[in-house]
C-alpha atoms as a PDB file:
ATOM      1  CA  MET A   1     370.531  68.651  52.382  1.00  0.00           C
ATOM      2  CA  ASN A   2     373.914  70.347  53.220  1.00  0.00           C
ATOM      3  CA  LYS A   3     374.060  73.305  55.640  1.00  0.00           C
ATOM      4  CA  TYR A   4     373.547  76.080  53.319  1.00  0.00           C
ATOM      5  CA  SER A   5     370.225  74.545  52.866  1.00  0.00           C
ATOM      6  CA  VAL A   6     369.532  74.337  56.613  1.00  0.00           C
ATOM      7  CA  ILE A   7     370.340  78.104  57.137  1.00  0.00           C
ATOM      8  CA  LYS A   8     368.532  79.046  53.749  1.00  0.00           C
ATOM      9  CA  ASN A   9     365.302  77.445  54.836  1.00  0.00           C
ATOM     10  CA  ALA A  10     365.572  78.293  58.755  1.00  0.00           C
ATOM     11  CA  ALA A  11     365.531  82.185  57.336  1.00  0.00           C
ATOM     12  CA  TRP A  12     362.765  81.750  55.233  1.00  0.00           C
ATOM     13  CA  MET A  13     360.370  79.834  58.079  1.00  0.00           C
ATOM     14  CA  LEU A  14     361.803  83.312  60.067  1.00  0.00           C
ATOM     15  CA  VAL A  15     360.266  85.546  57.840  1.00  0.00           C
ATOM     16  CA  PHE A  16     357.304  83.841  57.223  1.00  0.00           C
ATOM     17  CA  GLY A  17     356.414  83.744  60.578  1.00  0.00           C
ATOM     18  CA  SER A  18     357.500  87.306  61.614  1.00  0.00           C
ATOM     19  CA  PHE A  19     355.002  88.284  58.701  1.00  0.00           C
ATOM     20  CA  MET A  20     352.180  85.795  60.227  1.00  0.00           C
ATOM     21  CA  PHE A  21     352.332  87.101  63.829  1.00  0.00           C
ATOM     22  CA  GLY A  22     352.916  90.712  62.180  1.00  0.00           C
ATOM     23  CA  SER A  23     349.355  90.328  60.447  1.00  0.00           C
ATOM     24  CA  CYS A  24     347.271  89.742  63.513  1.00  0.00           C
ATOM     25  CA  ALA A  25     346.704  91.553  66.117  1.00  0.00           C
ATOM     26  CA  VAL A  26     344.107  90.533  69.323  1.00  0.00           C
ATOM     27  CA  VAL A  27     341.501  93.075  70.339  1.00  0.00           C
ATOM     28  CA  ARG A  28     340.619  92.312  73.885  1.00  0.00           C
ATOM     29  CA  GLN A  29     337.454  92.825  75.764  1.00  0.00           C
ATOM     30  CA  GLY A  30     336.799  96.363  76.602  1.00  0.00           C
ATOM     31  CA  GLU A  31     338.455  97.796  73.490  1.00  0.00           C
ATOM     32  CA  PHE A  32     337.307  97.790  69.985  1.00  0.00           C
ATOM     33  CA  GLY A  33     339.553  98.337  66.760  1.00  0.00           C
ATOM     34  CA  VAL A  34     339.780 100.740  63.768  1.00  0.00           C
ATOM     35  CA  LYS A  35     341.497  98.968  60.697  1.00  0.00           C
ATOM     36  CA  ARG A  36     343.531 101.686  59.065  1.00  0.00           C
ATOM     37  CA  THR A  37     344.586 100.523  55.221  1.00  0.00           C
ATOM     38  CA  LEU A  38     347.180 102.882  53.318  1.00  0.00           C
ATOM     39  CA  GLY A  39     346.378 105.896  55.419  1.00  0.00           C
ATOM     40  CA  LYS A  40     342.654 105.976  55.765  1.00  0.00           C
ATOM     41  CA  TYR A  41     340.437 104.075  58.633  1.00  0.00           C
ATOM     42  CA  ASN A  42     337.871 101.880  57.854  1.00  0.00           C
ATOM     43  CA  ASP A  43     333.806 102.763  59.204  1.00  0.00           C
ATOM     44  CA  LYS A  44     334.038  99.317  60.532  1.00  0.00           C
ATOM     45  CA  VAL A  45     334.920  98.780  64.253  1.00  0.00           C
ATOM     46  CA  VAL A  46     335.932  95.540  64.967  1.00  0.00           C
ATOM     47  CA  THR A  47     335.175  94.257  68.665  1.00  0.00           C
ATOM     48  CA  SER A  48     337.332  91.640  70.464  1.00  0.00           C
ATOM     49  CA  GLY A  49     338.897  89.120  69.470  1.00  0.00           C
ATOM     50  CA  LEU A  50     341.810  87.878  66.873  1.00  0.00           C
ATOM     51  CA  GLN A  51     342.061  90.285  63.806  1.00  0.00           C
ATOM     52  CA  VAL A  52     344.175  89.484  60.392  1.00  0.00           C
ATOM     53  CA  PHE A  53     344.916  92.072  58.307  1.00  0.00           C
ATOM     54  CA  ASN A  54     348.044  92.852  55.371  1.00  0.00           C
ATOM     55  CA  PRO A  55     350.926  94.263  57.378  1.00  0.00           C
ATOM     56  CA  PHE A  56     352.273  95.994  54.506  1.00  0.00           C
ATOM     57  CA  THR A  57     348.918  97.877  53.850  1.00  0.00           C
ATOM     58  CA  SER A  58     347.313  98.197  56.809  1.00  0.00           C
ATOM     59  CA  ARG A  59     347.484  98.168  60.794  1.00  0.00           C
ATOM     60  CA  ILE A  60     344.524  97.869  63.434  1.00  0.00           C
ATOM     61  CA  VAL A  61     344.109 101.129  65.813  1.00  0.00           C
ATOM     62  CA  LYS A  62     342.469 100.049  69.182  1.00  0.00           C
ATOM     63  CA  ILE A  63     340.697 102.153  71.528  1.00  0.00           C
ATOM     64  CA  SER A  64     339.825 101.382  74.794  1.00  0.00           C
ATOM     65  CA  GLY A  65     335.901 101.381  75.231  1.00  0.00           C
ATOM     66  CA  GLN A  66     335.883 101.646  79.588  1.00  0.00           C
ATOM     67  CA  THR A  67     335.675 104.221  81.661  1.00  0.00           C
ATOM     68  CA  GLU A  68     338.805 106.274  81.751  1.00  0.00           C
ATOM     69  CA  ASN A  69     339.777 108.597  84.290  1.00  0.00           C
ATOM     70  CA  ILE A  70     342.335 111.523  83.707  1.00  0.00           C
ATOM     71  CA  GLU A  71     343.791 113.116  86.744  1.00  0.00           C
ATOM     72  CA  VAL A  72     344.082 116.955  86.439  1.00  0.00           C
ATOM     73  CA  SER A  73     346.146 119.321  88.899  1.00  0.00           C
ATOM     74  CA  LEU A  74     345.050 123.073  88.320  1.00  0.00           C
ATOM     75  CA  VAL A  75     344.376 126.389  89.417  1.00  0.00           C
ATOM     76  CA  ILE A  76     340.401 127.789  89.263  1.00  0.00           C
ATOM     77  CA  PRO A  77     339.259 130.966  89.523  1.00  0.00           C
ATOM     78  CA  SER A  78     336.062 131.784  92.185  1.00  0.00           C
ATOM     79  CA  ARG A  79     333.814 134.363  91.917  1.00  0.00           C
ATOM     80  CA  GLU A  80     335.469 136.849  94.301  1.00  0.00           C
ATOM     81  CA  GLY A  81     338.807 136.609  92.105  1.00  0.00           C
ATOM     82  CA  LEU A  82     340.822 133.690  94.125  1.00  0.00           C
ATOM     83  CA  SER A  83     342.879 131.418  92.978  1.00  0.00           C
ATOM     84  CA  ILE A  84     342.017 127.950  94.399  1.00  0.00           C
ATOM     85  CA  GLN A  85     344.398 124.875  93.796  1.00  0.00           C
ATOM     86  CA  SER A  86     342.351 121.809  92.764  1.00  0.00           C
ATOM     87  CA  GLU A  87     342.344 118.186  91.785  1.00  0.00           C
ATOM     88  CA  VAL A  88     339.559 117.147  89.652  1.00  0.00           C
ATOM     89  CA  SER A  89     339.050 113.503  88.016  1.00  0.00           C
ATOM     90  CA  ILE A  90     337.322 113.129  84.281  1.00  0.00           C
ATOM     91  CA  LEU A  91     335.462 110.170  83.762  1.00  0.00           C
ATOM     92  CA  TYR A  92     334.616 109.635  80.352  1.00  0.00           C
ATOM     93  CA  ARG A  93     334.290 106.964  77.347  1.00  0.00           C
ATOM     94  CA  VAL A  94     334.325 106.902  73.696  1.00  0.00           C
ATOM     95  CA  LYS A  95     331.762 105.754  71.853  1.00  0.00           C
ATOM     96  CA  SER A  96     332.333 103.088  69.716  1.00  0.00           C
ATOM     97  CA  SER A  97     330.000 103.857  66.704  1.00  0.00           C
ATOM     98  CA  GLU A  98     332.007 107.534  66.587  1.00  0.00           C
ATOM     99  CA  ALA A  99     335.573 105.981  66.835  1.00  0.00           C
ATOM    100  CA  PRO A 100     336.435 105.753  63.126  1.00  0.00           C
ATOM    101  CA  ASP A 101     335.385 109.631  62.863  1.00  0.00           C
ATOM    102  CA  LEU A 102     337.401 110.483  65.979  1.00  0.00           C
ATOM    103  CA  LEU A 103     340.476 109.242  64.620  1.00  0.00           C
ATOM    104  CA  ARG A 104     339.923 110.497  61.695  1.00  0.00           C
ATOM    105  CA  ASN A 105     339.201 114.435  62.973  1.00  0.00           C
ATOM    106  CA  VAL A 106     340.718 114.437  66.309  1.00  0.00           C
ATOM    107  CA  GLY A 107     343.367 111.533  66.154  1.00  0.00           C
ATOM    108  CA  ILE A 108     344.615 108.811  68.603  1.00  0.00           C
ATOM    109  CA  ASP A 109     345.563 111.401  71.472  1.00  0.00           C
ATOM    110  CA  TYR A 110     341.958 112.776  71.770  1.00  0.00           C
ATOM    111  CA  GLU A 111     342.935 113.504  75.490  1.00  0.00           C
ATOM    112  CA  GLN A 112     345.569 116.263  74.831  1.00  0.00           C
ATOM    113  CA  THR A 113     343.875 117.505  71.779  1.00  0.00           C
ATOM    114  CA  VAL A 114     340.118 117.866  72.788  1.00  0.00           C
ATOM    115  CA  ILE A 115     339.391 116.205  76.176  1.00  0.00           C
ATOM    116  CA  LEU A 116     341.556 118.582  78.829  1.00  0.00           C
ATOM    117  CA  PRO A 117     341.443 122.007  76.526  1.00  0.00           C
ATOM    118  CA  VAL A 118     337.575 121.422  76.726  1.00  0.00           C
ATOM    119  CA  PHE A 119     337.875 120.918  80.256  1.00  0.00           C
ATOM    120  CA  ARG A 120     339.730 123.768  81.375  1.00  0.00           C
ATOM    121  CA  SER A 121     337.826 125.866  79.614  1.00  0.00           C
ATOM    122  CA  ALA A 122     334.325 124.692  80.705  1.00  0.00           C
ATOM    123  CA  VAL A 123     335.750 124.809  84.578  1.00  0.00           C
ATOM    124  CA  SER A 124     336.898 128.156  84.575  1.00  0.00           C
ATOM    125  CA  ASP A 125     333.628 129.200  83.031  1.00  0.00           C
ATOM    126  CA  VAL A 126     331.576 127.374  85.497  1.00  0.00           C
ATOM    127  CA  THR A 127     333.816 127.811  88.722  1.00  0.00           C
ATOM    128  CA  SER A 128     333.681 131.563  87.978  1.00  0.00           C
ATOM    129  CA  LYS A 129     330.556 132.029  89.174  1.00  0.00           C
ATOM    130  CA  TYR A 130     330.599 130.532  92.407  1.00  0.00           C
ATOM    131  CA  TYR A 131     332.306 132.044  95.650  1.00  0.00           C
ATOM    132  CA  ALA A 132     334.786 129.899  96.627  1.00  0.00           C
ATOM    133  CA  LYS A 133     333.263 128.913  99.803  1.00  0.00           C
ATOM    134  CA  ASP A 134     330.152 127.142  97.721  1.00  0.00           C
ATOM    135  CA  MET A 135     333.126 125.117  96.724  1.00  0.00           C
ATOM    136  CA  HIS A 136     333.145 123.053 100.220  1.00  0.00           C
ATOM    137  CA  SER A 137     329.703 122.976 100.936  1.00  0.00           C
ATOM    138  CA  GLY A 138     326.596 121.213  99.246  1.00  0.00           C
ATOM    139  CA  ASN A 139     327.324 122.993  95.767  1.00  0.00           C
ATOM    140  CA  ARG A 140     330.011 121.314  94.548  1.00  0.00           C
ATOM    141  CA  ALA A 141     327.949 118.432  93.444  1.00  0.00           C
ATOM    142  CA  GLU A 142     326.297 121.463  91.293  1.00  0.00           C
ATOM    143  CA  ILE A 143     329.955 122.768  90.124  1.00  0.00           C
ATOM    144  CA  GLU A 144     330.693 119.359  88.903  1.00  0.00           C
ATOM    145  CA  VAL A 145     327.360 118.719  87.285  1.00  0.00           C
ATOM    146  CA  ALA A 146     327.831 122.355  85.188  1.00  0.00           C
ATOM    147  CA  ILE A 147     331.301 121.198  84.342  1.00  0.00           C
ATOM    148  CA  SER A 148     330.248 117.970  83.091  1.00  0.00           C
ATOM    149  CA  GLU A 149     327.170 119.823  80.977  1.00  0.00           C
ATOM    150  CA  LEU A 150     329.109 121.965  79.655  1.00  0.00           C
ATOM    151  CA  MET A 151     331.616 119.875  78.782  1.00  0.00           C
ATOM    152  CA  MET A 152     329.223 117.336  76.783  1.00  0.00           C
ATOM    153  CA  LYS A 153     328.094 120.401  74.258  1.00  0.00           C
ATOM    154  CA  THR A 154     331.505 120.098  72.696  1.00  0.00           C
ATOM    155  CA  LEU A 155     332.466 116.465  73.006  1.00  0.00           C
ATOM    156  CA  GLU A 156     329.559 114.312  72.386  1.00  0.00           C
ATOM    157  CA  LYS A 157     329.498 115.317  68.895  1.00  0.00           C
ATOM    158  CA  LYS A 158     333.086 114.149  68.905  1.00  0.00           C
ATOM    159  CA  GLY A 159     331.785 110.424  69.968  1.00  0.00           C
ATOM    160  CA  ILE A 160     333.066 111.032  73.764  1.00  0.00           C
ATOM    161  CA  ILE A 161     331.221 110.849  77.049  1.00  0.00           C
ATOM    162  CA  ILE A 162     331.632 112.587  79.959  1.00  0.00           C
ATOM    163  CA  GLU A 163     330.152 110.434  82.471  1.00  0.00           C
ATOM    164  CA  SER A 164     331.180 112.646  85.688  1.00  0.00           C
ATOM    165  CA  VAL A 165     333.935 115.677  86.988  1.00  0.00           C
ATOM    166  CA  LEU A 166     334.640 115.225  90.456  1.00  0.00           C
ATOM    167  CA  LEU A 167     336.359 117.747  92.233  1.00  0.00           C
ATOM    168  CA  LYS A 168     338.633 115.801  94.860  1.00  0.00           C
ATOM    169  CA  SER A 169     340.440 118.382  96.598  1.00  0.00           C
ATOM    170  CA  ILE A 170     340.075 122.137  97.073  1.00  0.00           C
ATOM    171  CA  SER A 171     342.754 124.274  99.059  1.00  0.00           C
ATOM    172  CA  LEU A 172     341.328 127.497  99.543  1.00  0.00           C
ATOM    173  CA  PRO A 173     343.329 130.284 100.442  1.00  0.00           C
ATOM    174  CA  ARG A 174     344.321 130.351 104.649  1.00  0.00           C
ATOM    175  CA  SER A 175     342.435 133.101 105.339  1.00  0.00           C
ATOM    176  CA  LEU A 176     339.411 131.997 103.773  1.00  0.00           C
ATOM    177  CA  ALA A 177     339.651 128.443 105.328  1.00  0.00           C
ATOM    178  CA  LYS A 178     340.122 130.178 108.532  1.00  0.00           C
ATOM    179  CA  ALA A 179     337.316 132.419 108.504  1.00  0.00           C
ATOM    180  CA  ILE A 180     334.730 129.328 106.870  1.00  0.00           C
ATOM    181  CA  GLU A 181     335.880 127.218 110.310  1.00  0.00           C
ATOM    182  CA  ASP A 182     335.710 130.176 112.280  1.00  0.00           C
ATOM    183  CA  LYS A 183     331.533 130.555 110.746  1.00  0.00           C
ATOM    184  CA  LEU A 184     330.991 127.013 111.000  1.00  0.00           C
ATOM    185  CA  GLU A 185     332.387 127.185 114.977  1.00  0.00           C
ATOM    186  CA  ALA A 186     329.856 130.130 115.693  1.00  0.00           C
ATOM    187  CA  GLU A 187     326.960 127.958 114.275  1.00  0.00           C
ATOM    188  CA  GLN A 188     327.348 125.007 116.215  1.00  0.00           C
ATOM    189  CA  GLN A 189     327.832 126.772 119.241  1.00  0.00           C
ATOM    190  CA  ALA A 190     324.632 128.239 118.091  1.00  0.00           C
ATOM    191  CA  GLN A 191     322.732 125.121 117.194  1.00  0.00           C
ATOM    192  CA  ARG A 192     324.510 124.174 120.775  1.00  0.00           C
ATOM    193  CA  MET A 193     323.194 126.828 122.592  1.00  0.00           C
ATOM    194  CA  GLU A 194     319.323 126.410 120.773  1.00  0.00           C
ATOM    195  CA  PHE A 195     319.815 122.754 121.487  1.00  0.00           C
ATOM    196  CA  VAL A 196     320.037 124.277 126.075  1.00  0.00           C
ATOM    197  CA  LEU A 197     317.225 126.801 125.542  1.00  0.00           C
ATOM    198  CA  GLN A 198     315.323 123.615 124.186  1.00  0.00           C
ATOM    199  CA  GLN A 199     316.076 121.534 127.334  1.00  0.00           C
ATOM    200  CA  GLU A 200     315.346 124.306 129.568  1.00  0.00           C
ATOM    201  CA  ARG A 201     311.764 125.311 128.124  1.00  0.00           C
ATOM    202  CA  GLN A 202     310.866 121.461 128.606  1.00  0.00           C
ATOM    203  CA  GLU A 203     312.118 121.491 131.659  1.00  0.00           C
ATOM    204  CA  ALA A 204     309.848 124.886 132.931  1.00  0.00           C
ATOM    205  CA  ASP A 205     307.192 122.883 131.215  1.00  0.00           C
ATOM    206  CA  ARG A 206     307.405 120.100 132.936  1.00  0.00           C
ATOM    207  CA  MET A 207     307.952 121.483 136.353  1.00  0.00           C
ATOM    208  CA  ARG A 208     304.967 123.875 135.426  1.00  0.00           C
ATOM    209  CA  ILE A 209     302.642 120.459 134.502  1.00  0.00           C
ATOM    210  CA  LYS A 210     304.202 119.300 137.929  1.00  0.00           C
ATOM    211  CA  ALA A 211     302.904 122.422 139.900  1.00  0.00           C
ATOM    212  CA  GLU A 212     298.991 122.342 138.003  1.00  0.00           C
ATOM    213  CA  GLY A 213     299.019 118.994 139.007  1.00  0.00           C
ATOM    214  CA  VAL A 214     299.533 119.550 142.751  1.00  0.00           C
ATOM    215  CA  ARG A 215     297.813 122.224 142.587  1.00  0.00           C
ATOM    216  CA  ASP A 216     294.708 120.331 141.410  1.00  0.00           C
ATOM    217  CA  ALA A 217     295.671 117.557 143.761  1.00  0.00           C
ATOM    218  CA  ASN A 218     295.256 119.699 146.580  1.00  0.00           C
ATOM    219  CA  GLN A 219     292.150 121.662 145.223  1.00  0.00           C
ATOM    220  CA  ILE A 220     290.568 118.286 145.230  1.00  0.00           C
ATOM    221  CA  ILE A 221     291.452 117.505 148.499  1.00  0.00           C
ATOM    222  CA  ALA A 222     290.476 120.248 149.884  1.00  0.00           C
ATOM    223  CA  GLU A 223     287.048 119.942 148.429  1.00  0.00           C
ATOM    224  CA  GLY A 224     286.505 116.934 149.750  1.00  0.00           C
ATOM    225  CA  LEU A 225     287.665 117.655 153.328  1.00  0.00           C
ATOM    226  CA  THR A 226     283.799 118.001 154.715  1.00  0.00           C
ATOM    227  CA  PRO A 227     282.959 118.749 158.370  1.00  0.00           C
ATOM    228  CA  ALA A 228     281.564 114.940 158.732  1.00  0.00           C
ATOM    229  CA  ILE A 229     284.594 113.529 157.261  1.00  0.00           C
ATOM    230  CA  LEU A 230     286.676 115.428 159.436  1.00  0.00           C
ATOM    231  CA  GLN A 231     284.760 114.268 162.398  1.00  0.00           C
ATOM    232  CA  PHE A 232     285.165 111.211 161.865  1.00  0.00           C
ATOM    233  CA  LYS A 233     289.315 111.248 160.958  1.00  0.00           C
ATOM    234  CA  ALA A 234     289.362 112.418 164.520  1.00  0.00           C
ATOM    235  CA  ILE A 235     287.013 109.700 166.115  1.00  0.00           C
ATOM    236  CA  GLU A 236     289.506 107.151 164.051  1.00  0.00           C
ATOM    237  CA  ALA A 237     292.701 109.123 166.005  1.00  0.00           C
ATOM    238  CA  TRP A 238     291.224 109.127 169.228  1.00  0.00           C
ATOM    239  CA  LEU A 239     290.550 105.095 169.219  1.00  0.00           C
ATOM    240  CA  GLN A 240     294.169 104.773 167.877  1.00  0.00           C
ATOM    241  CA  LEU A 241     295.632 106.578 170.675  1.00  0.00           C
ATOM    242  CA  SER A 242     293.639 104.367 173.313  1.00  0.00           C
ATOM    243  CA  THR A 243     294.828 101.530 171.942  1.00  0.00           C
ATOM    244  CA  SER A 244     298.372 102.969 172.204  1.00  0.00           C
ATOM    245  CA  PRO A 245     301.032 101.444 175.158  1.00  0.00           C
ATOM    246  CA  ASN A 246     302.716 104.577 175.680  1.00  0.00           C
ATOM    247  CA  ALA A 247     301.916 107.436 177.784  1.00  0.00           C
ATOM    248  CA  LYS A 248     301.065 110.302 175.496  1.00  0.00           C
ATOM    249  CA  ILE A 249     299.791 113.847 176.176  1.00  0.00           C
ATOM    250  CA  VAL A 250     296.679 114.813 173.789  1.00  0.00           C
ATOM    251  CA  PHE A 251     295.799 118.336 173.513  1.00  0.00           C
ATOM    252  CA  SER A 252     292.170 119.137 171.561  1.00  0.00           C
ATOM    253  CA  ASN A 253     289.438 121.425 170.994  1.00  0.00           C
ATOM    254  CA  GLY A 254     286.644 118.980 171.282  1.00  0.00           C
ATOM    255  CA  THR A 255     286.917 117.975 167.444  1.00  0.00           C
ATOM    256  CA  MET A 256     290.259 117.469 166.311  1.00  0.00           C
ATOM    257  CA  PRO A 257     293.107 115.774 168.660  1.00  0.00           C
ATOM    258  CA  MET A 258     296.962 116.881 168.579  1.00  0.00           C
ATOM    259  CA  MET A 259     299.207 114.346 170.479  1.00  0.00           C
ATOM    260  CA  LEU A 260     302.686 115.428 172.221  1.00  0.00           C
ATOM    261  CA  SER A 261     304.940 113.678 173.399  1.00  0.00           C
ATOM    262  CA  PRO A 262     305.908 113.404 177.185  1.00  0.00           C
ATOM    263  CA  GLU A 263     309.524 115.587 176.322  1.00  0.00           C
ATOM    264  CA  ALA A 264     307.739 118.424 173.900  1.00  0.00           C
ATOM    265  CA  MET A 265     305.178 118.999 176.934  1.00  0.00           C
ATOM    266  CA  SER A 266     308.284 119.559 178.929  1.00  0.00           C
ATOM    267  CA  GLU A 267     309.769 121.559 176.334  1.00  0.00           C
ATOM    268  CA  MET A 268     306.497 123.555 176.312  1.00  0.00           C
ATOM    269  CA  GLN A 269     306.294 124.130 180.655  1.00  0.00           C
ATOM    270  CA  SER A 270     309.614 125.530 180.815  1.00  0.00           C
ATOM    271  CA  ALA A 271     309.123 128.054 177.881  1.00  0.00           C
ATOM    272  CA  THR A 272     305.651 128.925 179.330  1.00  0.00           C
ATOM    273  CA  PRO A 273     304.558 129.611 182.974  1.00  0.00           C
ATOM    274  CA  SER A 274     301.759 127.401 183.792  1.00  0.00           C
ATOM    275  CA  THR A 275     298.182 129.003 184.403  1.00  0.00           C
ATOM    276  CA  GLY A 276     296.719 126.087 186.505  1.00  0.00           C
ATOM    277  CA  SER A 277     294.228 125.144 184.049  1.00  0.00           C
ATOM    278  CA  ASN A 278     293.765 121.294 182.417  1.00  0.00           C
ATOM    279  CA  MET A 279     294.746 121.677 178.610  1.00  0.00           C
ATOM    280  CA  GLY A 280     295.126 118.296 178.250  1.00  0.00           C
ATOM    281  CA  LEU A 281     294.955 114.557 179.208  1.00  0.00           C
ATOM    282  CA  VAL A 282     297.652 112.043 179.743  1.00  0.00           C
ATOM    283  CA  LEU A 283     296.906 108.909 178.757  1.00  0.00           C
ATOM    284  CA  PRO A 284     299.036 106.396 180.848  1.00  0.00           C
ATOM    285  CA  MET A 285     300.734 103.261 179.175  1.00  0.00           C
ATOM    286  CA  SER A 286     299.291 100.328 179.576  1.00  0.00           C
ATOM    287  CA  GLU A 287     300.262  97.170 181.283  1.00  0.00           C
ATOM    288  CA  LYS A 288     300.285  93.916 179.158  1.00  0.00           C
END
């Protein structure tokens, strides 16, 4: 075999190898493909795996079947006519059964052709019904659902499923943002004041209940202090005084004793002139 034959065979091998590699396509998991032959899309959708086709007349157009995310930055209108800068995420996926019709009617660039125009129209229609402050409150989820549902009315029949629309960032005009912050601060202060008032009411209830308890206790004690009990307590007091080792001055009206220390008695004598009458009894200190 001469040198010319070797080069010729190598060239044929290269052409054959290029033909073989060019006639195969690998559809990965999460993708599906549609074969296009002589410019016409086949109705059959091919799934993951190795697909063989004639590279001169056919090719495999692959479409992602996974959830895709489109990030959009745009200005949206509000009900009061303000222009609000926002960043939005659109989560969508393509139905495999509708992929051939999507490619025939829209083309492979369906994001720019239908999804984004439909989104811009839907978001303007929905947000123009809400005040700007609502986009910072719990109404944000309601706005997201309304935009998604409005988009689905147009895109579902084209084989595109809108899973969700997320308002990630809302930049309000500075004056409006300051007004909202002031309002929220005033509401928080009102809530704090209500909490303080609630505490004061609870403290007042506690003191009232305590006072009622003291009053009831005193009333019960007063009702139980009969003359017989008072006489008995007086006898007990006299007995305790008789056993005390200290000198004491005791005044009594014959019923209830009142005990004073010698120092207190001296102060009373210096303040009041003596009349010579016996008003008390001095109990001497007992010796051990």
